[in-house]
N, C-alpha and C. Protein backbone atom coordinates (compact mmCIF):
# COMPACT_ATOMS: atom_id res chain seq x y z
N MET A 1 41.70 -67.06 -93.57
CA MET A 1 41.44 -66.05 -94.49
C MET A 1 42.98 -65.38 -94.81
N GLU A 2 43.60 -65.33 -96.25
CA GLU A 2 44.97 -65.28 -96.60
C GLU A 2 44.88 -63.27 -95.94
N LYS A 3 45.68 -62.83 -95.71
CA LYS A 3 45.75 -61.54 -95.30
C LYS A 3 45.91 -60.39 -96.47
N THR A 4 45.22 -59.40 -96.69
CA THR A 4 45.58 -58.47 -97.91
C THR A 4 46.71 -58.06 -97.86
N LYS A 5 47.56 -58.07 -99.34
CA LYS A 5 48.79 -57.42 -99.12
C LYS A 5 48.94 -56.27 -100.34
N ILE A 6 49.42 -55.40 -99.61
CA ILE A 6 49.69 -54.25 -100.38
C ILE A 6 50.78 -54.47 -101.49
N TYR A 7 50.52 -53.97 -103.01
CA TYR A 7 51.64 -53.68 -103.64
C TYR A 7 51.31 -52.44 -104.56
N LEU A 8 52.76 -51.89 -104.83
CA LEU A 8 53.11 -50.89 -105.85
C LEU A 8 53.11 -51.25 -107.18
N TYR A 9 52.23 -50.73 -108.01
CA TYR A 9 52.35 -50.98 -109.53
C TYR A 9 53.36 -50.06 -110.28
N GLY A 10 54.64 -50.16 -110.49
CA GLY A 10 55.26 -49.42 -110.94
C GLY A 10 56.67 -49.07 -110.05
N ALA A 11 58.05 -49.84 -110.60
CA ALA A 11 58.97 -49.46 -110.05
C ALA A 11 59.51 -48.67 -110.11
N SER A 12 59.38 -47.16 -109.84
CA SER A 12 59.62 -46.03 -110.19
C SER A 12 60.53 -45.36 -109.20
N SER A 13 61.09 -44.05 -109.19
CA SER A 13 61.50 -43.29 -108.43
C SER A 13 60.25 -42.40 -107.90
N HIS A 14 58.90 -42.52 -108.16
CA HIS A 14 58.04 -41.91 -107.71
C HIS A 14 57.51 -42.66 -106.55
N SER A 15 57.44 -43.90 -107.07
CA SER A 15 57.26 -45.17 -105.64
C SER A 15 57.99 -45.28 -104.76
N LYS A 16 59.02 -44.43 -104.79
CA LYS A 16 60.07 -44.23 -103.07
C LYS A 16 59.33 -43.71 -102.29
N VAL A 17 58.59 -42.40 -102.73
CA VAL A 17 57.81 -41.82 -102.00
C VAL A 17 56.52 -41.84 -101.67
N ILE A 18 55.89 -42.80 -102.33
CA ILE A 18 54.72 -43.29 -101.74
C ILE A 18 54.99 -44.51 -100.91
N LEU A 19 56.34 -45.08 -101.06
CA LEU A 19 56.75 -46.09 -99.74
C LEU A 19 56.75 -45.08 -98.68
N ASP A 20 57.19 -44.16 -98.79
CA ASP A 20 57.29 -43.41 -97.48
C ASP A 20 56.41 -42.80 -96.57
N ILE A 21 55.18 -42.60 -97.60
CA ILE A 21 54.25 -42.30 -97.22
C ILE A 21 53.46 -43.62 -96.26
N LEU A 22 53.45 -44.93 -97.05
CA LEU A 22 52.41 -45.96 -96.22
C LEU A 22 53.37 -46.07 -95.15
N GLU A 23 55.07 -45.89 -95.20
CA GLU A 23 55.63 -46.22 -93.84
C GLU A 23 55.15 -45.34 -92.57
N SER A 24 55.09 -43.93 -93.01
CA SER A 24 54.42 -43.04 -92.07
C SER A 24 53.27 -43.02 -91.34
N ASN A 25 52.48 -44.10 -92.34
CA ASN A 25 51.29 -44.77 -91.73
C ASN A 25 51.30 -46.09 -91.13
N ASN A 26 52.66 -46.77 -90.86
CA ASN A 26 53.09 -47.79 -90.38
C ASN A 26 52.25 -48.95 -91.23
N LEU A 27 52.29 -48.94 -92.57
CA LEU A 27 51.63 -49.73 -93.28
C LEU A 27 53.36 -50.42 -94.19
N VAL A 28 53.21 -51.60 -94.52
CA VAL A 28 54.56 -52.22 -95.38
C VAL A 28 54.00 -52.98 -96.50
N ILE A 29 54.78 -52.49 -97.62
CA ILE A 29 53.96 -53.41 -99.02
C ILE A 29 54.87 -54.74 -98.62
N ASN A 30 54.14 -55.50 -99.44
CA ASN A 30 54.62 -56.68 -99.87
C ASN A 30 55.51 -56.90 -101.54
N GLY A 31 55.51 -55.80 -101.94
CA GLY A 31 56.14 -55.96 -103.40
C GLY A 31 55.69 -54.73 -104.64
N TYR A 32 56.73 -55.05 -105.80
CA TYR A 32 56.19 -54.46 -106.72
C TYR A 32 55.56 -55.19 -107.84
N PHE A 33 54.69 -54.65 -108.66
CA PHE A 33 54.40 -55.17 -110.21
C PHE A 33 55.19 -53.90 -111.05
N ASP A 34 55.70 -54.69 -112.70
CA ASP A 34 56.08 -53.89 -113.31
C ASP A 34 56.24 -54.60 -114.51
N ASP A 35 56.06 -53.61 -115.94
CA ASP A 35 55.85 -54.47 -117.05
C ASP A 35 57.25 -54.36 -117.29
N ASN A 36 58.25 -54.30 -116.73
CA ASN A 36 59.61 -53.93 -117.47
C ASN A 36 60.21 -55.28 -116.40
N ASN A 37 60.68 -56.63 -117.72
CA ASN A 37 60.86 -57.80 -117.50
C ASN A 37 62.16 -58.11 -116.85
N LEU A 38 63.01 -56.82 -117.21
CA LEU A 38 64.58 -57.26 -116.47
C LEU A 38 64.79 -56.21 -115.57
N ILE A 39 63.47 -55.81 -114.79
CA ILE A 39 63.55 -55.26 -113.22
C ILE A 39 62.94 -56.51 -112.20
N ASP A 40 64.41 -57.28 -111.54
CA ASP A 40 63.59 -58.12 -110.65
C ASP A 40 63.34 -57.79 -108.96
N PHE A 41 64.36 -56.75 -108.65
CA PHE A 41 63.86 -56.40 -107.45
C PHE A 41 64.20 -54.65 -107.50
N TYR A 42 63.58 -53.97 -106.66
CA TYR A 42 63.74 -52.40 -106.78
C TYR A 42 63.29 -51.71 -105.32
N ASN A 43 64.23 -50.92 -104.98
CA ASN A 43 63.97 -50.37 -103.50
C ASN A 43 63.73 -51.39 -102.59
N GLY A 44 64.59 -52.65 -102.66
CA GLY A 44 65.03 -53.69 -101.61
C GLY A 44 63.73 -54.70 -101.60
N TYR A 45 62.73 -54.45 -102.73
CA TYR A 45 61.59 -55.47 -102.88
C TYR A 45 61.55 -56.15 -103.81
N GLU A 46 61.06 -57.46 -104.09
CA GLU A 46 60.52 -58.30 -105.32
C GLU A 46 59.72 -57.61 -106.29
N VAL A 47 60.19 -57.65 -107.81
CA VAL A 47 59.11 -57.30 -108.65
C VAL A 47 58.85 -58.37 -109.37
N GLU A 48 57.09 -58.33 -109.35
CA GLU A 48 56.54 -59.46 -109.99
C GLU A 48 56.10 -58.89 -111.66
N HIS A 49 55.95 -59.49 -112.53
CA HIS A 49 55.36 -59.14 -113.96
C HIS A 49 54.41 -60.11 -114.45
N ASN A 50 53.93 -61.15 -113.71
CA ASN A 50 52.77 -62.33 -113.86
C ASN A 50 51.53 -61.31 -113.49
N ALA A 51 50.97 -60.94 -115.11
CA ALA A 51 49.56 -59.99 -114.96
C ALA A 51 48.53 -60.41 -114.64
N SER A 52 48.51 -62.21 -114.64
CA SER A 52 47.64 -62.82 -114.71
C SER A 52 47.10 -63.00 -112.68
N LYS A 53 48.34 -62.55 -112.37
CA LYS A 53 48.23 -62.68 -110.59
C LYS A 53 47.61 -61.12 -109.98
N LEU A 54 47.28 -60.47 -110.85
CA LEU A 54 46.74 -59.02 -110.66
C LEU A 54 45.02 -59.00 -110.05
N ASN A 55 44.55 -60.09 -110.48
CA ASN A 55 43.23 -59.98 -110.15
C ASN A 55 42.59 -61.02 -108.78
N ASN A 56 43.94 -61.34 -108.04
CA ASN A 56 43.76 -61.91 -106.84
C ASN A 56 43.36 -60.95 -105.58
N ILE A 57 41.95 -61.35 -105.60
CA ILE A 57 41.23 -60.57 -104.49
C ILE A 57 42.14 -59.98 -103.19
N SER A 58 43.04 -60.44 -102.90
CA SER A 58 43.96 -60.53 -101.72
C SER A 58 44.95 -59.69 -101.73
N ARG A 59 45.09 -58.65 -103.00
CA ARG A 59 46.15 -57.76 -103.17
C ARG A 59 45.41 -56.44 -103.28
N ILE A 60 45.61 -55.45 -102.57
CA ILE A 60 45.56 -54.05 -103.08
C ILE A 60 46.76 -53.36 -103.91
N PHE A 61 46.30 -52.20 -104.38
CA PHE A 61 47.54 -51.72 -104.70
C PHE A 61 47.12 -50.07 -105.05
N ILE A 62 48.55 -49.16 -105.53
CA ILE A 62 48.70 -48.00 -105.50
C ILE A 62 49.38 -48.38 -107.11
N VAL A 63 48.92 -47.43 -107.98
CA VAL A 63 49.87 -47.42 -109.12
C VAL A 63 50.84 -46.53 -108.98
N SER A 64 52.12 -46.54 -108.99
CA SER A 64 52.99 -45.77 -108.51
C SER A 64 53.87 -45.01 -109.77
N ILE A 65 52.81 -44.78 -110.66
CA ILE A 65 53.59 -43.94 -111.81
C ILE A 65 53.26 -42.65 -111.71
N GLY A 66 54.06 -41.61 -112.38
CA GLY A 66 53.80 -40.05 -111.93
C GLY A 66 53.42 -39.64 -113.25
N ASN A 67 53.45 -40.29 -114.29
CA ASN A 67 53.00 -39.92 -115.38
C ASN A 67 51.39 -40.02 -115.52
N ASN A 68 50.54 -38.83 -115.91
CA ASN A 68 49.26 -39.06 -115.94
C ASN A 68 48.27 -39.76 -116.55
N LYS A 69 49.08 -39.80 -118.03
CA LYS A 69 48.30 -40.63 -119.05
C LYS A 69 48.70 -41.95 -118.92
N ASN A 70 50.00 -42.30 -118.40
CA ASN A 70 50.29 -43.78 -118.17
C ASN A 70 49.63 -44.23 -116.99
N ARG A 71 49.60 -43.16 -115.87
CA ARG A 71 48.73 -43.94 -114.91
C ARG A 71 47.13 -44.07 -114.77
N LYS A 72 46.74 -43.79 -115.77
CA LYS A 72 45.36 -44.09 -116.15
C LYS A 72 45.44 -45.37 -116.88
N LEU A 73 45.90 -45.62 -118.16
CA LEU A 73 46.03 -46.83 -118.81
C LEU A 73 46.31 -47.85 -118.16
N ILE A 74 47.15 -48.02 -116.92
CA ILE A 74 47.36 -49.20 -116.20
C ILE A 74 46.37 -49.12 -115.19
N VAL A 75 45.59 -48.18 -114.64
CA VAL A 75 44.71 -48.57 -113.76
C VAL A 75 43.20 -49.12 -114.73
N GLU A 76 42.79 -48.57 -116.04
CA GLU A 76 42.20 -49.22 -116.71
C GLU A 76 42.29 -50.45 -117.18
N LYS A 77 43.42 -50.93 -117.20
CA LYS A 77 43.72 -52.50 -117.17
C LYS A 77 43.47 -53.36 -116.18
N LEU A 78 43.58 -52.66 -114.86
CA LEU A 78 43.62 -53.53 -113.87
C LEU A 78 42.07 -54.05 -113.17
N GLN A 79 42.14 -55.13 -112.68
CA GLN A 79 40.51 -55.42 -112.05
C GLN A 79 40.76 -55.89 -111.03
N THR A 80 41.30 -54.67 -109.84
CA THR A 80 41.53 -54.79 -108.29
C THR A 80 41.25 -53.59 -107.50
N LYS A 81 41.66 -54.04 -106.19
CA LYS A 81 41.29 -52.90 -105.40
C LYS A 81 42.45 -51.81 -105.29
N PHE A 82 42.11 -50.70 -105.09
CA PHE A 82 43.06 -49.58 -104.69
C PHE A 82 43.10 -48.72 -103.14
N ILE A 83 44.01 -48.76 -102.56
CA ILE A 83 44.13 -47.89 -101.71
C ILE A 83 45.01 -45.94 -101.82
N LYS A 84 44.41 -45.73 -100.77
CA LYS A 84 45.05 -44.37 -100.37
C LYS A 84 46.23 -44.08 -100.23
N ALA A 85 47.07 -43.17 -100.41
CA ALA A 85 48.12 -43.07 -99.73
C ALA A 85 48.48 -41.41 -99.13
N ILE A 86 48.15 -41.25 -97.69
CA ILE A 86 47.90 -39.96 -97.28
C ILE A 86 49.08 -40.06 -96.32
N HIS A 87 50.23 -38.92 -96.55
CA HIS A 87 51.06 -38.94 -95.27
C HIS A 87 50.73 -38.48 -94.10
N SER A 88 51.54 -38.57 -93.26
CA SER A 88 51.08 -38.73 -91.65
C SER A 88 51.12 -37.02 -91.55
N SER A 89 52.01 -36.45 -92.16
CA SER A 89 52.15 -35.07 -92.21
C SER A 89 50.96 -34.19 -92.70
N ALA A 90 50.41 -34.63 -93.59
CA ALA A 90 49.23 -33.82 -94.49
C ALA A 90 48.32 -33.36 -93.36
N GLN A 91 47.81 -32.00 -93.86
CA GLN A 91 46.61 -31.36 -93.11
C GLN A 91 45.37 -31.25 -93.87
N LEU A 92 44.55 -32.09 -93.54
CA LEU A 92 43.05 -32.11 -94.17
C LEU A 92 42.00 -32.13 -93.67
N SER A 93 41.11 -31.27 -93.86
CA SER A 93 40.09 -31.07 -93.44
C SER A 93 38.94 -32.07 -93.17
N PRO A 94 38.11 -32.41 -92.23
CA PRO A 94 37.44 -33.36 -92.18
C PRO A 94 36.41 -33.49 -93.24
N SER A 95 36.07 -32.28 -93.79
CA SER A 95 35.28 -32.78 -94.90
C SER A 95 35.74 -32.88 -96.00
N THR A 96 37.10 -32.74 -96.46
CA THR A 96 37.69 -33.34 -97.52
C THR A 96 37.39 -34.93 -98.15
N LYS A 97 37.01 -35.05 -99.39
CA LYS A 97 36.63 -36.20 -100.00
C LYS A 97 37.91 -36.45 -100.94
N ILE A 98 38.84 -37.76 -100.99
CA ILE A 98 39.35 -38.47 -101.50
C ILE A 98 39.05 -39.46 -102.25
N GLY A 99 39.61 -39.70 -103.43
CA GLY A 99 39.11 -40.68 -104.36
C GLY A 99 40.33 -42.09 -104.12
N GLU A 100 39.88 -43.00 -104.48
CA GLU A 100 40.82 -44.57 -104.36
C GLU A 100 42.02 -44.20 -105.30
N GLY A 101 43.04 -44.50 -104.56
CA GLY A 101 43.96 -44.44 -105.46
C GLY A 101 45.01 -43.56 -105.42
N SER A 102 44.20 -42.52 -104.64
CA SER A 102 45.18 -41.17 -104.81
C SER A 102 46.18 -40.91 -103.57
N VAL A 103 47.04 -40.02 -103.96
CA VAL A 103 48.26 -40.13 -103.43
C VAL A 103 48.51 -38.41 -102.62
N ILE A 104 48.87 -38.59 -101.37
CA ILE A 104 48.79 -37.32 -101.06
C ILE A 104 50.24 -36.98 -99.92
N MET A 105 50.92 -36.30 -100.71
CA MET A 105 52.21 -36.23 -99.96
C MET A 105 52.65 -35.36 -98.54
N ALA A 106 54.01 -35.12 -98.32
CA ALA A 106 54.10 -34.81 -96.95
C ALA A 106 54.15 -33.66 -97.19
N ASN A 107 52.98 -32.48 -95.93
CA ASN A 107 53.02 -31.28 -95.63
C ASN A 107 51.98 -30.63 -96.62
N VAL A 108 51.25 -31.32 -97.56
CA VAL A 108 50.24 -31.01 -97.91
C VAL A 108 49.02 -30.01 -97.15
N SER A 109 48.45 -29.08 -97.60
CA SER A 109 47.57 -28.49 -96.76
C SER A 109 46.12 -28.52 -97.66
N ILE A 110 44.88 -28.88 -97.78
CA ILE A 110 43.42 -29.26 -98.07
C ILE A 110 42.73 -28.80 -97.24
N ASN A 111 42.10 -27.88 -97.65
CA ASN A 111 40.89 -26.97 -96.73
C ASN A 111 39.44 -27.58 -96.84
N SER A 112 38.39 -27.14 -96.16
CA SER A 112 37.14 -27.70 -96.04
C SER A 112 36.43 -27.50 -97.30
N SER A 113 35.61 -28.67 -97.47
CA SER A 113 34.93 -29.17 -98.74
C SER A 113 35.25 -29.17 -99.83
N SER A 114 36.67 -29.57 -99.89
CA SER A 114 37.11 -29.93 -101.41
C SER A 114 37.14 -31.26 -101.52
N SER A 115 37.21 -31.93 -102.67
CA SER A 115 37.07 -32.99 -103.36
C SER A 115 38.43 -33.16 -104.49
N LEU A 116 38.76 -34.46 -104.09
CA LEU A 116 39.74 -34.84 -104.97
C LEU A 116 39.52 -36.32 -105.91
N GLY A 117 39.30 -36.33 -107.04
CA GLY A 117 39.14 -37.55 -107.71
C GLY A 117 40.22 -38.76 -107.40
N LYS A 118 39.87 -39.90 -108.35
CA LYS A 118 40.61 -41.15 -108.41
C LYS A 118 42.01 -40.94 -108.63
N HIS A 119 43.23 -41.46 -108.49
CA HIS A 119 44.23 -41.85 -108.72
C HIS A 119 45.14 -40.34 -109.07
N THR A 120 44.72 -39.50 -107.88
CA THR A 120 45.64 -38.25 -108.47
C THR A 120 46.41 -38.08 -107.28
N ILE A 121 47.57 -37.30 -107.77
CA ILE A 121 48.70 -36.51 -107.00
C ILE A 121 48.50 -35.59 -106.31
N VAL A 122 49.16 -35.35 -105.35
CA VAL A 122 49.21 -34.02 -104.71
C VAL A 122 50.38 -33.93 -103.75
N ASN A 123 51.82 -33.17 -104.70
CA ASN A 123 52.72 -33.34 -103.96
C ASN A 123 53.43 -32.72 -103.06
N THR A 124 54.22 -32.61 -102.40
CA THR A 124 54.94 -32.08 -101.10
C THR A 124 54.63 -30.67 -101.30
N ASN A 125 54.24 -30.20 -100.17
CA ASN A 125 53.76 -28.97 -99.78
C ASN A 125 52.90 -28.13 -100.64
N ALA A 126 52.26 -28.62 -101.66
CA ALA A 126 50.98 -28.10 -102.42
C ALA A 126 50.07 -27.79 -101.23
N SER A 127 49.00 -27.06 -101.73
CA SER A 127 48.05 -25.97 -100.86
C SER A 127 46.68 -26.18 -101.83
N VAL A 128 45.68 -26.79 -101.33
CA VAL A 128 44.60 -26.58 -101.53
C VAL A 128 43.19 -25.85 -100.72
N ASP A 129 43.13 -25.09 -101.26
CA ASP A 129 42.22 -24.27 -100.13
C ASP A 129 40.62 -25.05 -100.23
N HIS A 130 39.69 -24.12 -99.55
CA HIS A 130 38.28 -24.13 -99.39
C HIS A 130 37.66 -24.67 -100.84
N ASP A 131 36.65 -25.73 -101.00
CA ASP A 131 35.83 -25.80 -101.95
C ASP A 131 36.25 -26.29 -103.27
N CYS A 132 37.58 -26.73 -103.57
CA CYS A 132 38.12 -26.74 -104.68
C CYS A 132 37.54 -28.50 -105.28
N PHE A 133 37.53 -28.51 -106.53
CA PHE A 133 37.65 -29.55 -106.90
C PHE A 133 38.41 -30.14 -108.12
N ILE A 134 38.99 -31.09 -107.64
CA ILE A 134 39.99 -31.80 -108.54
C ILE A 134 39.70 -33.33 -109.02
N GLY A 135 40.03 -33.01 -110.59
CA GLY A 135 39.13 -34.46 -111.22
C GLY A 135 40.48 -35.56 -110.94
N ASP A 136 39.84 -36.79 -111.63
CA ASP A 136 41.16 -38.03 -111.68
C ASP A 136 42.16 -37.59 -112.51
N TYR A 137 43.11 -38.72 -112.11
CA TYR A 137 44.54 -38.48 -112.83
C TYR A 137 44.75 -36.97 -112.76
N VAL A 138 44.77 -36.32 -111.81
CA VAL A 138 45.49 -34.90 -112.17
C VAL A 138 46.78 -34.92 -111.32
N HIS A 139 47.86 -34.21 -111.16
CA HIS A 139 49.29 -33.92 -110.45
C HIS A 139 49.13 -32.78 -110.54
N LEU A 140 49.18 -32.28 -108.85
CA LEU A 140 49.72 -31.10 -108.44
C LEU A 140 50.92 -30.96 -108.02
N SER A 141 52.07 -30.60 -108.63
CA SER A 141 53.31 -30.54 -108.19
C SER A 141 53.62 -30.08 -107.18
N PRO A 142 54.85 -30.12 -106.52
CA PRO A 142 55.30 -29.39 -105.01
C PRO A 142 55.42 -27.91 -104.96
N ASN A 143 54.40 -27.42 -104.10
CA ASN A 143 54.60 -25.97 -103.67
C ASN A 143 53.43 -25.36 -104.79
N VAL A 144 52.60 -26.37 -105.31
CA VAL A 144 51.43 -25.52 -106.19
C VAL A 144 50.60 -25.01 -105.02
N ALA A 145 50.01 -23.96 -105.30
CA ALA A 145 49.04 -23.16 -104.57
C ALA A 145 47.85 -22.95 -105.14
N LEU A 146 46.41 -23.59 -104.66
CA LEU A 146 44.90 -23.33 -105.42
C LEU A 146 44.32 -22.78 -104.45
N ALA A 147 43.77 -21.28 -104.65
CA ALA A 147 42.75 -20.52 -103.67
C ALA A 147 41.37 -21.42 -104.15
N GLY A 148 40.59 -20.74 -103.15
CA GLY A 148 39.07 -21.45 -103.03
C GLY A 148 38.67 -21.28 -104.45
N ASN A 149 37.59 -22.60 -104.24
CA ASN A 149 36.59 -22.66 -105.72
C ASN A 149 36.91 -22.92 -106.68
N VAL A 150 38.28 -23.44 -106.75
CA VAL A 150 39.15 -23.86 -108.12
C VAL A 150 38.77 -25.43 -108.52
N LYS A 151 38.52 -25.22 -109.85
CA LYS A 151 38.07 -26.61 -110.77
C LYS A 151 39.42 -26.68 -111.42
N VAL A 152 39.62 -28.44 -111.20
CA VAL A 152 40.83 -28.72 -112.26
C VAL A 152 40.42 -30.12 -112.80
N GLY A 153 40.61 -30.33 -114.39
CA GLY A 153 39.63 -31.28 -114.78
C GLY A 153 41.11 -32.46 -115.11
N GLU A 154 40.32 -33.84 -115.55
CA GLU A 154 40.81 -34.85 -115.42
C GLU A 154 42.03 -34.58 -116.06
N GLY A 155 43.32 -35.28 -115.58
CA GLY A 155 44.21 -35.39 -116.31
C GLY A 155 45.58 -34.20 -116.27
N THR A 156 45.25 -33.60 -115.93
CA THR A 156 45.49 -31.88 -115.61
C THR A 156 47.18 -32.30 -115.15
N HIS A 157 48.25 -31.68 -115.05
CA HIS A 157 49.37 -31.46 -114.62
C HIS A 157 49.73 -29.93 -114.36
N ILE A 158 49.80 -29.40 -113.15
CA ILE A 158 50.08 -27.87 -113.05
C ILE A 158 51.53 -28.28 -112.18
N GLY A 159 52.26 -27.58 -113.00
CA GLY A 159 53.92 -27.75 -112.76
C GLY A 159 54.50 -26.89 -111.22
N ILE A 160 55.54 -27.11 -111.10
CA ILE A 160 56.02 -26.96 -109.61
C ILE A 160 55.89 -25.34 -109.30
N GLY A 161 55.56 -25.01 -108.18
CA GLY A 161 55.39 -23.69 -107.84
C GLY A 161 54.30 -22.90 -108.47
N SER A 162 53.29 -23.51 -108.97
CA SER A 162 52.35 -22.61 -109.79
C SER A 162 51.21 -22.45 -108.76
N CYS A 163 50.62 -21.11 -109.31
CA CYS A 163 49.79 -20.36 -108.43
C CYS A 163 48.22 -20.18 -109.36
N VAL A 164 47.18 -20.64 -108.30
CA VAL A 164 45.85 -20.54 -109.53
C VAL A 164 45.08 -19.50 -108.30
N ILE A 165 44.50 -18.48 -108.88
CA ILE A 165 43.41 -17.57 -108.20
C ILE A 165 42.08 -18.20 -107.83
N GLN A 166 41.42 -17.42 -106.86
CA GLN A 166 40.09 -18.30 -106.70
C GLN A 166 38.73 -18.13 -107.68
N GLY A 167 38.31 -19.02 -107.65
CA GLY A 167 37.01 -19.02 -108.46
C GLY A 167 37.55 -19.54 -110.47
N ILE A 168 38.68 -19.88 -110.10
CA ILE A 168 39.47 -20.75 -111.69
C ILE A 168 38.79 -21.65 -112.42
N THR A 169 38.37 -22.17 -113.38
CA THR A 169 38.32 -23.67 -113.60
C THR A 169 39.37 -23.87 -115.21
N ILE A 170 39.98 -24.72 -114.56
CA ILE A 170 41.13 -25.75 -115.38
C ILE A 170 40.44 -26.24 -116.25
N GLY A 171 40.36 -26.81 -117.35
CA GLY A 171 40.26 -28.23 -118.41
C GLY A 171 40.92 -29.30 -117.92
N LYS A 172 40.28 -30.36 -118.85
CA LYS A 172 41.21 -31.53 -118.44
C LYS A 172 42.42 -31.76 -119.62
N TRP A 173 43.00 -32.15 -118.99
CA TRP A 173 44.74 -32.70 -119.78
C TRP A 173 45.34 -31.48 -120.12
N VAL A 174 45.29 -30.58 -118.93
CA VAL A 174 45.94 -29.17 -119.20
C VAL A 174 47.46 -29.63 -118.62
N ILE A 175 48.42 -28.72 -119.04
CA ILE A 175 49.66 -28.75 -118.93
C ILE A 175 50.01 -27.45 -118.46
N ILE A 176 50.33 -26.92 -117.28
CA ILE A 176 50.30 -25.80 -116.34
C ILE A 176 52.24 -25.93 -116.20
N GLY A 177 52.86 -24.82 -116.80
CA GLY A 177 54.23 -24.89 -116.78
C GLY A 177 54.50 -24.73 -115.27
N ALA A 178 55.81 -24.69 -114.84
CA ALA A 178 56.62 -24.43 -113.72
C ALA A 178 56.21 -23.17 -113.29
N GLY A 179 56.17 -22.52 -112.19
CA GLY A 179 55.82 -21.30 -111.68
C GLY A 179 54.67 -20.16 -112.07
N ALA A 180 53.84 -20.87 -113.05
CA ALA A 180 52.70 -20.13 -113.59
C ALA A 180 51.73 -19.38 -112.81
N VAL A 181 51.23 -18.43 -113.18
CA VAL A 181 50.18 -17.71 -112.17
C VAL A 181 48.99 -17.49 -113.35
N ILE A 182 47.77 -18.54 -112.93
CA ILE A 182 46.54 -18.71 -113.59
C ILE A 182 45.44 -17.87 -112.91
N ILE A 183 45.68 -16.85 -113.90
CA ILE A 183 44.30 -15.77 -113.50
C ILE A 183 43.37 -15.81 -114.13
N ASN A 184 43.35 -16.61 -115.38
CA ASN A 184 41.82 -16.99 -116.11
C ASN A 184 41.89 -17.99 -116.29
N ASP A 185 40.26 -18.57 -116.79
CA ASP A 185 39.98 -19.79 -117.19
C ASP A 185 41.26 -20.67 -117.97
N ILE A 186 41.54 -21.82 -118.31
CA ILE A 186 41.99 -22.78 -119.00
C ILE A 186 41.08 -23.53 -120.07
N PRO A 187 41.11 -23.86 -121.10
CA PRO A 187 40.56 -24.56 -121.93
C PRO A 187 41.09 -26.01 -121.89
N ASP A 188 40.50 -26.98 -122.33
CA ASP A 188 41.00 -28.69 -122.11
C ASP A 188 42.05 -28.36 -123.37
N TYR A 189 43.15 -29.28 -123.12
CA TYR A 189 43.95 -29.62 -123.82
C TYR A 189 45.13 -28.55 -124.12
N ALA A 190 44.79 -27.51 -123.09
CA ALA A 190 46.28 -26.06 -123.29
C ALA A 190 47.30 -26.53 -122.52
N VAL A 191 48.35 -25.94 -123.13
CA VAL A 191 49.48 -25.93 -122.71
C VAL A 191 50.03 -24.28 -122.08
N VAL A 192 50.29 -24.14 -120.76
CA VAL A 192 50.28 -22.77 -120.45
C VAL A 192 51.18 -22.59 -119.63
N VAL A 193 52.10 -21.30 -119.93
CA VAL A 193 53.37 -21.14 -119.06
C VAL A 193 53.30 -19.49 -118.87
N GLY A 194 54.24 -18.94 -118.10
CA GLY A 194 54.30 -17.70 -117.56
C GLY A 194 53.12 -16.87 -116.48
N ASN A 195 53.56 -15.70 -116.41
CA ASN A 195 53.02 -14.65 -115.38
C ASN A 195 52.44 -13.53 -116.03
N PRO A 196 51.38 -13.00 -116.13
CA PRO A 196 50.27 -14.50 -115.88
C PRO A 196 50.21 -15.14 -116.90
N GLY A 197 49.53 -16.59 -116.66
CA GLY A 197 49.70 -17.64 -117.87
C GLY A 197 49.00 -17.28 -119.09
N ARG A 198 49.78 -17.97 -120.20
CA ARG A 198 48.86 -17.89 -121.30
C ARG A 198 48.87 -18.94 -122.13
N VAL A 199 48.22 -19.19 -123.01
CA VAL A 199 48.13 -20.63 -123.85
C VAL A 199 49.27 -20.41 -124.85
N ILE A 200 49.94 -21.34 -124.76
CA ILE A 200 51.03 -21.45 -125.88
C ILE A 200 50.63 -22.25 -127.25
N LYS A 201 50.06 -23.34 -126.88
CA LYS A 201 49.63 -24.35 -127.84
C LYS A 201 48.68 -25.28 -127.10
N TYR A 202 48.09 -26.22 -128.16
CA TYR A 202 46.91 -27.16 -127.63
C TYR A 202 47.56 -28.50 -127.76
N ASN A 203 47.21 -29.52 -126.83
CA ASN A 203 47.60 -31.00 -127.04
C ASN A 203 46.51 -31.91 -126.95
N TYR A 204 46.06 -32.38 -128.39
CA TYR A 204 44.84 -33.02 -128.13
C TYR A 204 44.94 -34.54 -128.22
N GLU A 205 46.29 -34.71 -127.96
CA GLU A 205 46.94 -36.50 -127.75
C GLU A 205 46.84 -36.74 -126.20
N LYS A 206 45.75 -37.62 -126.23
CA LYS A 206 45.73 -37.81 -124.47
C LYS A 206 46.05 -39.50 -124.08
């Protein structure tokens, strides 16, 4: 039987970090897929473009695209298996649940009974306290801090260094700017900045 091969979908700078995570767990990728036919090699690996190969059951993927919307579009068109990438330095409670395709970067801390959806990114040094629920296709940027019992909806991006107090619910496809302090619930599609965080507009395109 052919050995399962690991591929990254997306020859992007984000993929370099995912490659480091896999290597921290002694895993080696076999190459990249990317829609850009002008990229034949990236980060020392061959880049393939033939989408018909994606249904090969001997291949498993991580979608290495940082943009939440684009990552969702790519996942939805693939009929394949996905793996998680969890850096060896991350500290995860044994009761933490991580969905397929999600990426947990270096020095992340996730505490008891928290749950992360599919294809979500928890970036370097982010902290997720107990009983949080993080939806699919979310991106928590570096140094984001979520207190306990925070809920984050699908597709939301929380900017670098932002803080969220306990018990807050953040809707789907929200954008929270860098350094924001969230002390109130945030509705779907809101764009939020500042300390305390305030809604400055809504973005209904996802």
